[in-house]
Protein backbone atom coordinates (compact mmCIF):
# COMPACT_ATOMS: atom_id res chain seq x y z
CA MET A 1 25.64 109.99 121.99
CA VAL A 2 28.10 110.56 119.08
CA THR A 3 30.27 107.18 118.41
CA ALA A 4 33.66 107.22 116.93
CA ALA A 5 32.29 106.02 114.07
CA LYS A 6 30.11 108.82 113.78
CA LEU A 7 32.39 111.43 114.94
CA LEU A 8 34.86 110.30 112.27
CA LEU A 9 31.85 110.64 109.58
CA LEU A 10 31.05 114.18 111.22
CA THR A 11 34.65 115.13 111.11
CA VAL A 12 34.77 114.41 107.08
CA ALA A 13 31.68 116.46 106.24
CA ALA A 14 32.41 119.20 107.89
CA VAL A 15 35.76 119.16 106.20
CA ALA A 16 33.89 118.99 102.79
CA ASP A 17 31.54 121.90 103.93
CA THR A 18 34.16 124.30 103.94
CA SER A 19 36.74 123.17 101.23
CA ARG A 20 34.27 123.36 98.05
CA SER A 21 37.75 123.92 95.65
CA PHE A 22 38.93 120.71 97.16
CA GLN A 23 36.11 118.62 96.90
CA ARG A 24 35.65 119.93 92.87
CA SER A 25 39.52 118.98 92.54
CA VAL A 26 38.77 115.79 94.18
CA SER A 27 35.73 115.06 91.69
CA THR A 28 37.82 115.72 88.64
CA GLN A 29 40.13 113.73 89.71
CA GLU A 30 38.22 110.90 90.12
CA GLU A 31 36.38 111.46 86.75
CA THR A 32 39.88 111.43 84.99
CA ALA A 33 40.61 108.44 86.71
CA ARG A 34 37.04 106.42 85.47
CA GLN A 35 37.58 103.60 83.23
CA SER A 36 35.80 104.25 79.94
CA ARG A 37 33.63 100.85 80.53
CA GLY A 38 31.68 100.41 83.55
CA GLY A 39 32.23 103.22 84.97
CA LYS A 40 34.90 101.68 87.53
CA LEU A 41 37.53 103.34 89.28
CA GLU A 42 40.71 102.23 88.07
CA LYS A 43 43.94 101.97 90.56
CA LYS A 44 46.21 104.72 90.48
CA ALA A 45 49.58 104.37 89.93
CA GLY A 46 52.07 104.23 93.01
CA ILE A 47 49.21 103.21 95.61
CA ASP A 48 49.16 99.52 96.27
CA TRP A 49 45.40 99.25 97.36
CA ASP A 50 45.35 95.42 97.52
CA ALA A 51 48.46 95.61 100.48
CA GLN A 52 45.66 97.86 102.71
CA ASN A 53 44.04 96.09 105.31
CA LYS A 54 40.37 96.54 104.40
CA LEU A 55 37.55 97.93 107.34
CA PRO A 56 34.53 95.59 106.79
CA PRO A 57 35.20 92.66 109.28
CA TRP A 58 34.58 90.13 106.28
CA MET A 59 37.33 91.72 104.36
CA THR A 60 39.76 92.30 107.26
CA SER A 61 43.54 91.30 107.16
CA ILE A 62 43.35 90.59 110.27
CA SER A 63 42.62 86.59 111.15
CA GLU A 64 42.30 86.45 115.09
CA GLY A 65 44.68 83.43 116.36
CA ALA A 66 47.04 83.03 113.27
CA ASP A 67 50.47 82.81 114.25
CA GLN A 68 51.50 85.10 111.42
CA ALA A 69 53.11 88.12 112.89
CA ILE A 70 54.68 91.55 112.40
CA ALA A 71 56.86 93.78 113.99
CA VAL A 72 55.86 97.33 114.62
CA VAL A 73 58.94 99.02 115.16
CA LEU A 74 58.17 102.81 117.23
CA GLY A 75 59.87 105.89 115.99
CA GLN A 76 62.14 108.27 118.04
CA SER A 77 62.85 111.68 117.63
CA LEU A 78 65.81 111.85 115.71
CA ASN A 79 68.69 113.87 117.09
CA PRO A 80 69.18 117.45 115.92
CA ASP A 81 71.74 116.70 113.10
CA GLY A 82 69.10 114.22 111.67
CA SER A 83 70.89 111.01 113.24
CA ALA A 84 69.36 108.26 114.94
CA PRO A 85 70.13 107.90 118.50
CA GLN A 86 70.88 104.90 120.24
CA VAL A 87 67.67 103.79 121.42
CA LEU A 88 66.10 103.81 118.08
CA LEU A 89 68.95 101.91 117.14
CA ASP A 90 68.27 99.07 119.37
CA ARG A 91 65.17 98.98 118.47
CA VAL A 92 65.77 98.37 114.53
CA GLU A 93 68.47 95.54 115.72
CA LYS A 94 65.47 94.03 117.92
CA ALA A 95 63.04 93.98 114.68
CA LYS A 96 65.67 92.39 112.63
CA GLU A 97 66.32 89.96 114.93
CA LEU A 98 62.92 88.80 115.05
CA LEU A 99 62.74 89.00 111.29
CA GLU A 100 65.68 86.71 110.98
CA GLN A 101 64.06 84.25 113.71
CA GLY A 102 61.12 83.73 111.52
CA THR A 103 59.15 85.10 114.34
CA VAL A 104 57.71 88.21 112.50
CA MET A 105 57.09 88.09 108.33
CA LYS A 106 57.30 91.75 107.77
CA ILE A 107 58.77 94.97 110.01
CA LEU A 108 56.37 97.83 109.87
CA VAL A 109 58.53 101.08 111.20
CA SER A 110 56.24 104.04 112.38
CA GLY A 111 56.84 107.52 112.80
CA SER A 112 56.99 111.33 111.08
CA ASP A 113 59.33 114.12 111.79
CA PRO A 114 58.03 115.47 115.01
CA ALA A 115 61.94 116.99 115.89
CA GLY A 116 61.51 118.61 112.44
CA VAL A 117 65.04 117.54 111.33
CA GLY A 118 64.16 117.07 107.51
CA ARG A 119 63.57 113.39 107.53
CA THR A 120 61.10 110.81 109.32
CA GLU A 121 61.77 108.59 111.73
CA ALA A 122 60.46 105.83 109.30
CA SER A 123 62.55 106.57 106.53
CA MET A 124 65.85 106.44 108.88
CA MET A 125 64.79 103.10 110.67
CA ALA A 126 63.96 101.44 106.85
CA LYS A 127 67.57 102.84 105.94
CA LEU A 128 69.32 101.47 108.77
CA LEU A 129 67.51 98.19 108.38
CA ILE A 130 68.02 98.09 104.77
CA THR A 131 71.90 98.93 105.20
CA SER A 132 72.10 95.89 107.72
CA GLY A 133 71.10 93.58 104.90
CA VAL A 134 66.78 93.17 105.53
CA PRO A 135 65.38 93.06 102.24
CA ALA A 136 62.97 96.13 101.37
CA SER A 137 60.17 93.86 100.65
CA SER A 138 59.96 93.17 104.28
CA ILE A 139 59.69 96.59 105.61
CA LEU A 140 56.49 98.66 105.68
CA GLN A 141 56.96 102.70 106.38
CA GLU A 142 54.14 104.72 107.86
CA SER A 143 55.33 108.22 108.06
CA GLN A 144 52.44 109.81 109.42
CA ALA A 145 52.62 109.12 113.21
CA THR A 146 53.47 111.73 115.77
CA THR A 147 52.43 109.95 119.26
CA THR A 148 52.38 106.55 120.01
CA ALA A 149 48.51 106.52 119.72
CA GLU A 150 49.25 107.31 116.71
CA ASN A 151 51.51 104.53 115.80
CA ALA A 152 48.79 102.26 116.49
CA TRP A 153 46.04 103.91 114.68
CA PHE A 154 47.51 104.11 111.38
CA MET A 155 49.57 100.84 111.21
CA LEU A 156 46.08 99.08 110.87
CA ARG A 157 46.05 100.20 107.63
CA TRP A 158 49.14 98.12 106.69
CA ILE A 159 48.40 94.89 108.59
CA PRO A 160 49.32 92.50 105.83
CA ARG A 161 46.55 89.60 105.29
CA GLY A 162 46.42 86.78 107.51
CA THR A 163 48.30 88.24 110.44
CA GLY A 164 46.97 87.39 114.09
CA LYS A 165 50.01 89.27 116.07
CA VAL A 166 51.63 91.98 116.60
CA TYR A 167 55.05 92.51 118.41
CA ILE A 168 55.44 95.97 119.64
CA VAL A 169 58.93 96.71 119.28
CA THR A 170 60.30 99.85 121.50
CA SER A 171 62.08 100.60 124.59
CA ASP A 172 62.10 99.40 128.01
CA PHE A 173 61.23 102.92 129.57
CA HIS A 174 58.45 103.13 126.75
CA MET A 175 56.83 99.51 126.59
CA ALA A 176 54.36 99.86 129.26
CA ARG A 177 52.52 102.90 128.10
CA ALA A 178 52.87 101.77 124.58
CA THR A 179 51.23 98.60 125.24
CA TYR A 180 48.53 100.04 127.28
CA ILE A 181 47.65 102.78 124.24
CA PHE A 182 47.82 99.94 121.63
CA GLN A 183 45.46 98.01 123.93
CA GLU A 184 43.05 100.73 124.10
CA VAL A 185 43.65 102.35 120.07
CA PHE A 186 42.55 98.95 119.10
CA ASN A 187 39.81 98.37 121.39
CA CYS A 188 38.41 101.52 120.00
CA PHE A 189 38.89 100.39 116.44
CA TYR A 190 37.41 96.76 116.86
CA THR A 191 34.38 98.76 118.91
CA MET A 192 33.74 101.37 116.36
CA LEU A 193 33.94 98.59 113.26
CA GLU A 194 31.41 96.18 115.44
CA GLU A 195 28.98 99.26 115.76
CA GLN A 196 29.13 100.26 112.11
CA TYR A 197 28.69 96.54 110.31
CA GLN A 198 26.50 94.86 113.09
CA ASN A 199 23.82 95.32 111.18
CA ASP A 200 24.96 94.46 107.63
CA PRO A 201 23.68 91.51 106.03
CA ARG A 202 27.35 90.70 104.41
CA TRP A 203 28.57 90.10 108.08
CA ILE A 204 27.44 86.48 108.84
CA SER A 205 29.84 85.88 112.03
CA PRO A 206 27.16 84.27 114.69
CA THR A 207 29.28 86.56 117.44
CA LYS A 208 29.47 90.01 115.52
CA LYS A 209 32.85 90.42 116.88
CA TYR A 210 35.28 91.97 115.59
CA PRO A 211 38.88 89.83 114.75
CA ARG A 212 41.54 90.65 117.46
CA LEU A 213 45.25 91.17 117.38
CA ALA A 214 47.59 89.36 120.05
CA ILE A 215 49.83 92.30 121.39
CA ILE A 216 53.16 90.73 122.05
CA GLN A 217 56.02 93.11 123.86
CA ALA A 218 59.22 93.01 122.02
CA THR A 219 61.25 95.05 124.77
CA THR A 220 64.91 96.43 123.90
CA ALA A 221 67.40 96.87 126.71
CA SER A 222 68.56 100.57 127.11
CA PHE A 223 72.30 101.47 128.16
CA CYS A 224 72.35 102.13 131.70
CA GLY A 225 75.17 104.89 132.59
CA GLY A 226 76.50 106.55 135.47
CA ASP A 227 77.57 109.57 134.49
CA ALA A 228 74.66 112.18 135.55
CA ARG A 229 77.32 114.98 134.16
CA ARG A 230 75.91 113.91 130.76
CA SER A 231 72.31 114.29 131.01
CA THR A 232 70.46 117.38 130.72
CA ASP A 233 67.55 116.60 132.88
CA ASP A 234 67.43 120.02 134.92
CA ASP A 235 66.77 121.67 131.22
CA PRO A 236 63.42 121.32 129.90
CA ALA A 237 64.32 122.74 126.38
CA ALA A 238 67.18 120.12 126.26
CA ASP A 239 66.73 117.62 123.63
CA ILE A 240 64.76 114.21 124.70
CA ASN A 241 67.82 112.33 123.79
CA THR A 242 69.79 114.20 126.16
CA LYS A 243 67.89 113.11 129.17
CA SER A 244 68.83 110.31 131.44
CA LEU A 245 67.54 107.04 131.18
CA SER A 246 66.22 107.12 134.89
CA LYS A 247 64.20 110.51 133.99
CA ARG A 248 62.85 109.28 130.63
CA ALA A 249 61.31 105.90 132.84
CA LYS A 250 60.18 108.03 135.79
CA ASP A 251 58.93 110.29 132.88
CA GLU A 252 56.89 107.69 131.64
CA LEU A 253 55.41 106.43 134.92
CA ARG A 254 54.16 109.68 135.67
CA PHE A 255 52.34 110.02 132.46
CA LEU A 256 50.32 106.81 133.27
CA GLY A 257 49.74 107.85 137.04
CA SER A 258 48.97 111.11 136.28
CA GLY A 259 45.86 110.32 133.85
CA GLU A 260 47.47 112.01 130.96
CA VAL A 261 47.65 109.45 128.89
CA SER A 262 44.16 108.38 129.27
CA THR A 263 42.50 111.92 128.87
CA SER A 264 44.74 112.95 126.12
CA MET A 265 43.57 110.36 123.98
CA PHE A 266 40.12 111.95 124.39
CA GLY A 267 41.24 115.42 123.67
CA ASP A 268 39.06 118.41 124.76
CA PRO A 269 37.16 118.81 127.05
CA LEU A 270 39.26 116.01 128.93
CA SER A 271 42.76 117.93 128.21
CA ASN A 272 44.27 120.27 125.67
CA ILE A 273 46.37 117.64 124.37
CA LEU A 274 44.97 115.55 121.38
CA TYR A 275 47.14 112.00 120.80
CA ILE A 276 45.30 110.73 117.86
CA TRP A 277 43.70 112.47 115.22
CA PRO A 278 41.05 112.83 114.27
CA ILE A 279 39.75 110.03 116.57
CA GLN A 280 38.28 110.36 120.25
CA ILE A 281 39.30 107.75 122.21
CA ASN A 282 37.23 107.69 125.82
CA VAL A 283 39.23 104.80 127.62
CA THR A 284 36.45 104.76 130.42
CA LYS A 285 34.06 103.40 127.82
CA ASP A 286 35.99 100.33 127.41
CA PRO A 287 35.50 97.23 129.84
CA GLU A 288 39.21 96.54 129.62
CA ASN A 289 40.92 99.60 130.45
CA ALA A 290 41.04 99.21 134.43
CA GLY A 291 42.52 96.06 133.93
CA ASN A 292 45.13 97.35 131.11
CA LEU A 293 45.99 100.44 132.73
CA GLN A 294 46.88 98.46 136.37
CA ARG A 295 48.85 96.39 134.30
CA ALA A 296 50.94 99.07 132.81
CA MET A 297 50.97 101.11 135.94
CA ALA A 298 52.66 97.75 137.71
CA GLN A 299 55.31 97.65 134.61
CA ALA A 300 55.95 101.35 134.49
CA MET A 301 56.66 101.37 138.23
CA ASN A 302 59.00 98.06 138.33
CA VAL A 303 60.90 100.01 135.40
CA ALA A 304 61.19 103.15 137.24
CA GLN A 305 62.59 101.53 140.18
CA LYS A 306 65.35 99.43 138.62
CA LEU A 307 66.57 101.98 136.43
CA CYS A 308 66.71 104.68 138.98
CA ARG A 309 70.18 104.37 139.27
CA CYS A 310 70.86 105.10 135.64
CA VAL A 311 71.61 108.71 135.50
CA ALA A 312 73.12 109.19 132.07
CA PRO A 313 71.74 109.55 128.78
CA PRO A 314 71.03 105.82 127.15
CA GLU A 315 74.09 106.28 124.65
CA SER A 316 76.98 104.18 124.94
CA SER A 317 79.47 105.55 127.24
CA GLU A 318 81.68 105.07 130.53
CA PRO A 319 80.83 104.00 133.39
CA GLN A 320 78.30 101.36 132.58
CA PHE A 321 76.37 99.56 134.96
CA THR A 322 75.57 96.07 135.01
CA TYR A 323 71.84 96.23 133.25
CA PRO A 324 69.61 95.97 136.17
CA LEU A 325 66.04 94.92 134.64
CA ALA A 326 64.50 91.57 134.45
CA LEU A 327 63.03 91.34 130.28
CA PRO A 328 60.14 90.49 130.35
CA VAL A 329 59.08 93.09 132.60
CA ALA A 330 56.72 91.65 135.53
CA THR A 331 53.15 93.10 135.38
CA THR A 332 52.93 92.75 138.77
CA LEU A 333 53.74 95.80 141.41
CA PRO A 334 56.63 95.88 143.25
CA ALA A 335 56.98 94.21 146.54
CA GLY A 336 55.63 96.25 149.09
CA LEU A 337 53.99 98.69 146.86
CA HIS A 338 50.18 100.00 145.83
CA LEU A 339 49.22 101.69 142.28
CA ASP A 340 48.63 104.85 144.46
CA ASP A 341 52.28 104.38 145.67
CA TRP A 342 53.55 105.52 141.87
CA LYS A 343 55.21 108.82 143.34
CA GLN A 344 57.33 106.94 145.91
CA VAL A 345 59.12 105.17 143.15
CA CYS A 346 62.71 106.45 142.56
CA PRO A 347 61.89 110.23 144.38
CA ALA A 348 63.77 113.14 143.16
CA SER A 349 65.77 113.30 146.09
CA HIS A 350 67.41 109.88 145.12
């Protein structure tokens, strides 16, 4: 059986075999970087290596049970003109509140440019935070992620030392799926490192259990509008930010209920979508998966049910309904419904 750690090593090996010129270039750069005394590699300017999380369990920045926390703000596709949609503005404001309250000590903004507008979601969020008065020193930028799974995976590189908690900052319609994905990605990460280092004599832990991060939801309430004429729900090619809040909540439920999320984190042969590169996450191997998925499904069903009347895009405009969802969202199923009833929540005929 090929473990995640072995798969990653095989991937790197394959790339090296087919890219000799690149390998020679890297070797030349490394040789240039070596100090004349002792052959030690010096730290290159522009990269703060000390700020990065270290993988070995005896070196990791994760401190299980610690109160120190960071907020990770999940990106949202920017508008075609490069501006920030309202849901992204909401997430940035929530993160700022957490920082000002002292709940978190850093804000990590995560997201590349999947919409292809010429700027990353992370850079936009950082700009918004700085403009609102947040010090640049309190912001970490992760600009690689194109999916929620990559938000989770790539942020692990930038965990500040002593961190025990991660606040996921995202929208009401997205939180259930995001939390489930973070749980599964983190569990894969822990397992991969436990397998890699379990026999290393430098790891003196009696349990051989990799330190865990506590995941806490910091949900933003989206605008709930009643003007369906403003939405483009019937146009599959329309920009995501013009879809109604109701449709976005129902789509998130469908992604979970149909199994798309679970299979897409594993990639081929289970799906033709790859949620995270190059790691393959087979959630069926995680003993916590069933419980994680059930809670996510319950939350998504509650959200889709309550936001069903929000037929306008989540942008400020009249008419506005009183926000119908209680936060934090319950992880128990809506009254009278079972997990298999997810298709009955907010049916298309509503």
